[in-house]
């Protein structure tokens, strides 16, 4: 009998590092399709399978994913950190406006049903930056994207991203990028980063 790789919980979830956008999901789906693996679902950072993969197929999948910059996670702590990152990226990049009435710590605690202090400590130890710093970096990347589109005013961008004022956004933007939002707009093509490099 072939040995099977043990996966997380009953629905056979694999956790994938560096899946940060819809194109990443598409690439992972293509790899699975090429390998003849039929997932239940593929979402940011996660593949749900109907059944466990034989050990050889799991290792082949790991190699295919690694070849395009992804990484299958085995460690439970790494999986949890990746889940935190995925939830934050989805909340910041895939909503029309960030609801700041529910702060990020409450949001993460509700989504993961794990104490925020534990999540915060684990995230800092694993990533070398705090959850708050990660959130700021993601919000600034989203601001850059919105500035490039040139469809919203700076005031509308600040509101959309949950900043208390344009000044707050501008101050944080300059601290992170070294540029004012208006200066960034002038040189936008050279300053955007892929989300997996934020």
Protein backbone atom coordinates (compact mmCIF):
# COMPACT_ATOMS: atom_id res chain seq x y z
CA UNK A 1 0.00 0.00 0.00
CA UNK A 2 1.29 3.47 -0.87
CA UNK A 3 2.15 5.71 2.05
CA UNK A 4 0.13 8.89 2.32
CA UNK A 5 1.23 12.32 3.43
CA UNK A 6 -0.72 13.45 6.46
CA UNK A 7 -2.53 16.68 5.78
CA UNK A 8 -4.34 19.17 7.95
CA UNK A 9 -7.81 18.15 9.22
CA UNK A 10 -10.50 16.08 7.52
CA UNK A 11 -10.89 18.09 4.32
CA UNK A 12 -7.22 17.52 3.36
CA UNK A 13 -5.90 21.06 3.17
CA UNK A 14 -2.47 21.91 1.88
CA UNK A 15 -1.06 25.30 2.80
CA UNK A 16 0.98 27.14 0.19
CA UNK A 17 3.32 30.01 0.96
CA UNK A 18 3.59 33.01 -1.41
CA UNK A 19 0.10 32.62 -2.93
CA UNK A 20 -0.90 36.26 -2.67
CA UNK A 21 -3.07 37.09 -5.68
CA UNK A 22 -5.67 35.66 -8.02
CA UNK A 23 -3.01 34.97 -10.66
CA UNK A 24 -1.21 32.82 -8.08
CA UNK A 25 -4.41 30.82 -7.60
CA UNK A 26 -4.66 30.40 -11.38
CA UNK A 27 -1.04 29.16 -11.63
CA UNK A 28 -1.57 26.65 -8.81
CA UNK A 29 -4.80 25.43 -10.48
CA UNK A 30 -2.86 24.91 -13.73
CA UNK A 31 -0.17 22.89 -11.93
CA UNK A 32 -2.81 20.72 -10.25
CA UNK A 33 -4.61 20.24 -13.57
CA UNK A 34 -1.37 19.27 -15.35
CA UNK A 35 -0.67 16.72 -12.61
CA UNK A 36 -4.22 15.34 -12.80
CA UNK A 37 -5.04 16.39 -9.25
CA UNK A 38 -8.68 17.46 -8.83
CA UNK A 39 -8.94 19.91 -5.90
CA UNK A 40 -12.15 20.66 -4.04
CA UNK A 41 -11.03 24.28 -4.04
CA UNK A 42 -7.99 26.50 -4.48
CA UNK A 43 -7.84 29.83 -2.66
CA UNK A 44 -5.12 32.20 -1.48
CA UNK A 45 -2.60 30.11 0.44
CA UNK A 46 -4.68 26.95 0.47
CA UNK A 47 -5.57 23.86 -1.58
CA UNK A 48 -8.44 21.64 -0.40
CA UNK A 49 -8.32 18.06 -1.69
CA UNK A 50 -10.86 15.23 -1.56
CA UNK A 51 -8.28 12.74 -0.35
CA UNK A 52 -4.67 12.56 0.77
CA UNK A 53 -2.00 12.39 -1.91
CA UNK A 54 0.39 9.45 -2.14
CA UNK A 55 3.81 10.45 -0.87
CA UNK A 56 5.40 10.50 -4.36
CA UNK A 57 2.66 12.76 -5.78
CA UNK A 58 2.94 15.09 -2.80
CA UNK A 59 6.70 15.45 -3.40
CA UNK A 60 6.12 16.00 -7.14
CA UNK A 61 3.57 18.71 -6.32
CA UNK A 62 6.04 20.30 -3.90
CA UNK A 63 8.69 20.39 -6.65
CA UNK A 64 6.29 21.87 -9.23
CA UNK A 65 5.15 24.57 -6.81
CA UNK A 66 8.71 25.38 -5.74
CA UNK A 67 9.74 25.77 -9.40
CA UNK A 68 7.34 28.73 -9.73
CA UNK A 69 8.10 30.36 -6.37
CA UNK A 70 5.57 28.71 -4.04
CA UNK A 71 6.26 26.53 -1.02
CA UNK A 72 4.18 23.79 0.57
CA UNK A 73 4.14 24.30 4.32
CA UNK A 74 4.48 21.38 6.71
CA UNK A 75 4.97 23.17 10.01
CA UNK A 76 1.74 24.06 11.84
CA UNK A 77 3.17 27.37 13.04
CA UNK A 78 4.16 28.36 9.49
CA UNK A 79 0.69 27.38 8.27
CA UNK A 80 -0.92 29.59 10.88
CA UNK A 81 1.30 32.57 10.00
CA UNK A 82 0.53 32.07 6.31
CA UNK A 83 -3.20 31.98 7.13
CA UNK A 84 -2.84 35.29 9.03
CA UNK A 85 -1.08 36.85 6.01
CA UNK A 86 -3.72 35.52 3.60
CA UNK A 87 -6.60 36.87 5.70
CA UNK A 88 -4.96 40.29 5.94
CA UNK A 89 -4.13 40.46 2.23
CA UNK A 90 -7.70 39.49 1.32
CA UNK A 91 -9.12 42.08 3.70
CA UNK A 92 -6.86 44.91 2.50
CA UNK A 93 -6.68 44.17 -1.23
CA UNK A 94 -10.02 42.57 -2.03
CA UNK A 95 -12.61 44.80 -0.35
CA UNK A 96 -14.08 48.09 -1.48
CA UNK A 97 -13.26 49.76 1.80
CA UNK A 98 -11.73 48.59 5.04
CA UNK A 99 -14.20 48.64 7.91
CA UNK A 100 -12.15 50.06 10.74
CA UNK A 101 -14.98 49.55 13.24
CA UNK A 102 -13.67 46.00 13.54
CA UNK A 103 -9.95 46.31 14.05
CA UNK A 104 -7.50 43.81 12.62
CA UNK A 105 -6.75 42.09 15.93
CA UNK A 106 -10.45 41.39 16.54
CA UNK A 107 -10.87 40.34 12.90
CA UNK A 108 -8.00 37.81 13.12
CA UNK A 109 -9.16 36.47 16.47
CA UNK A 110 -12.69 35.97 15.09
CA UNK A 111 -11.50 34.33 11.87
CA UNK A 112 -8.99 31.98 13.47
CA UNK A 113 -10.49 31.56 16.97
CA UNK A 114 -7.00 31.92 18.41
CA UNK A 115 -5.85 34.49 20.96
CA UNK A 116 -4.42 37.55 19.20
CA UNK A 117 -1.44 37.83 21.57
CA UNK A 118 -0.36 34.33 20.57
CA UNK A 119 -0.82 35.14 16.86
CA UNK A 120 1.12 38.37 17.24
CA UNK A 121 4.06 36.71 19.01
CA UNK A 122 4.17 33.81 16.55
CA UNK A 123 3.97 36.15 13.56
CA UNK A 124 6.82 38.34 14.85
CA UNK A 125 9.03 35.33 15.58
CA UNK A 126 8.38 33.78 12.16
CA UNK A 127 8.35 36.85 9.91
CA UNK A 128 10.72 39.25 11.69
CA UNK A 129 8.08 42.01 11.72
CA UNK A 130 4.89 42.59 13.65
CA UNK A 131 1.38 42.02 12.33
CA UNK A 132 0.87 45.79 12.56
CA UNK A 133 3.94 46.43 10.39
CA UNK A 134 2.70 43.86 7.87
CA UNK A 135 -0.71 45.58 7.77
CA UNK A 136 0.91 48.98 7.17
CA UNK A 137 3.04 47.57 4.33
CA UNK A 138 -0.04 46.00 2.73
CA UNK A 139 -2.12 49.17 3.07
CA UNK A 140 0.67 51.23 1.48
CA UNK A 141 0.95 48.73 -1.41
CA UNK A 142 -2.82 49.02 -1.91
CA UNK A 143 -2.51 52.82 -1.83
CA UNK A 144 0.20 52.60 -4.51
CA UNK A 145 -2.08 50.48 -6.66
CA UNK A 146 -4.95 52.94 -6.29
CA UNK A 147 -2.64 55.88 -7.05
CA UNK A 148 -1.47 54.16 -10.25
CA UNK A 149 -5.09 53.68 -11.38
CA UNK A 150 -5.60 57.43 -10.93
CA UNK A 151 -9.37 56.97 -10.46
CA UNK A 152 -9.65 58.19 -6.85
CA UNK A 153 -8.53 61.30 -5.02
CA UNK A 154 -6.07 60.92 -2.16
CA UNK A 155 -8.92 61.68 0.22
CA UNK A 156 -10.99 58.84 -1.26
CA UNK A 157 -8.01 56.46 -1.06
CA UNK A 158 -7.44 57.37 2.60
CA UNK A 159 -11.10 56.69 3.38
CA UNK A 160 -11.15 53.45 1.39
CA UNK A 161 -8.11 52.13 3.27
CA UNK A 162 -9.46 53.09 6.68
CA UNK A 163 -7.07 55.97 7.44
CA UNK A 164 -8.31 58.66 9.80
CA UNK A 165 -7.16 61.42 7.43
CA UNK A 166 -5.23 62.18 4.26
CA UNK A 167 -2.40 63.44 6.48
CA UNK A 168 -2.21 60.07 8.28
CA UNK A 169 -1.99 58.22 4.95
CA UNK A 170 0.55 60.70 3.53
CA UNK A 171 2.76 60.48 6.63
CA UNK A 172 2.74 56.67 6.62
CA UNK A 173 3.23 56.57 2.83
CA UNK A 174 6.30 58.82 3.03
CA UNK A 175 7.72 56.88 5.99
CA UNK A 176 7.49 53.58 4.08
CA UNK A 177 8.33 54.69 0.51
CA UNK A 178 10.39 57.82 1.08
CA UNK A 179 8.03 59.63 -1.29
CA UNK A 180 4.90 61.70 -0.97
CA UNK A 181 1.84 60.17 -2.68
CA UNK A 182 1.90 62.89 -5.35
CA UNK A 183 5.60 62.30 -6.09
CA UNK A 184 4.94 58.56 -6.25
CA UNK A 185 2.21 59.19 -8.84
CA UNK A 186 4.80 60.85 -11.09
CA UNK A 187 7.23 57.90 -10.96
CA UNK A 188 4.69 55.12 -10.34
CA UNK A 189 6.02 52.58 -12.82
CA UNK A 190 9.24 51.96 -10.91
CA UNK A 191 7.90 51.73 -7.38
CA UNK A 192 5.21 49.01 -7.20
CA UNK A 193 6.07 45.63 -5.66
CA UNK A 194 4.49 42.20 -6.09
CA UNK A 195 2.54 41.29 -2.93
CA UNK A 196 4.79 38.32 -2.19
CA UNK A 197 7.73 40.74 -1.91
CA UNK A 198 6.00 43.13 0.51
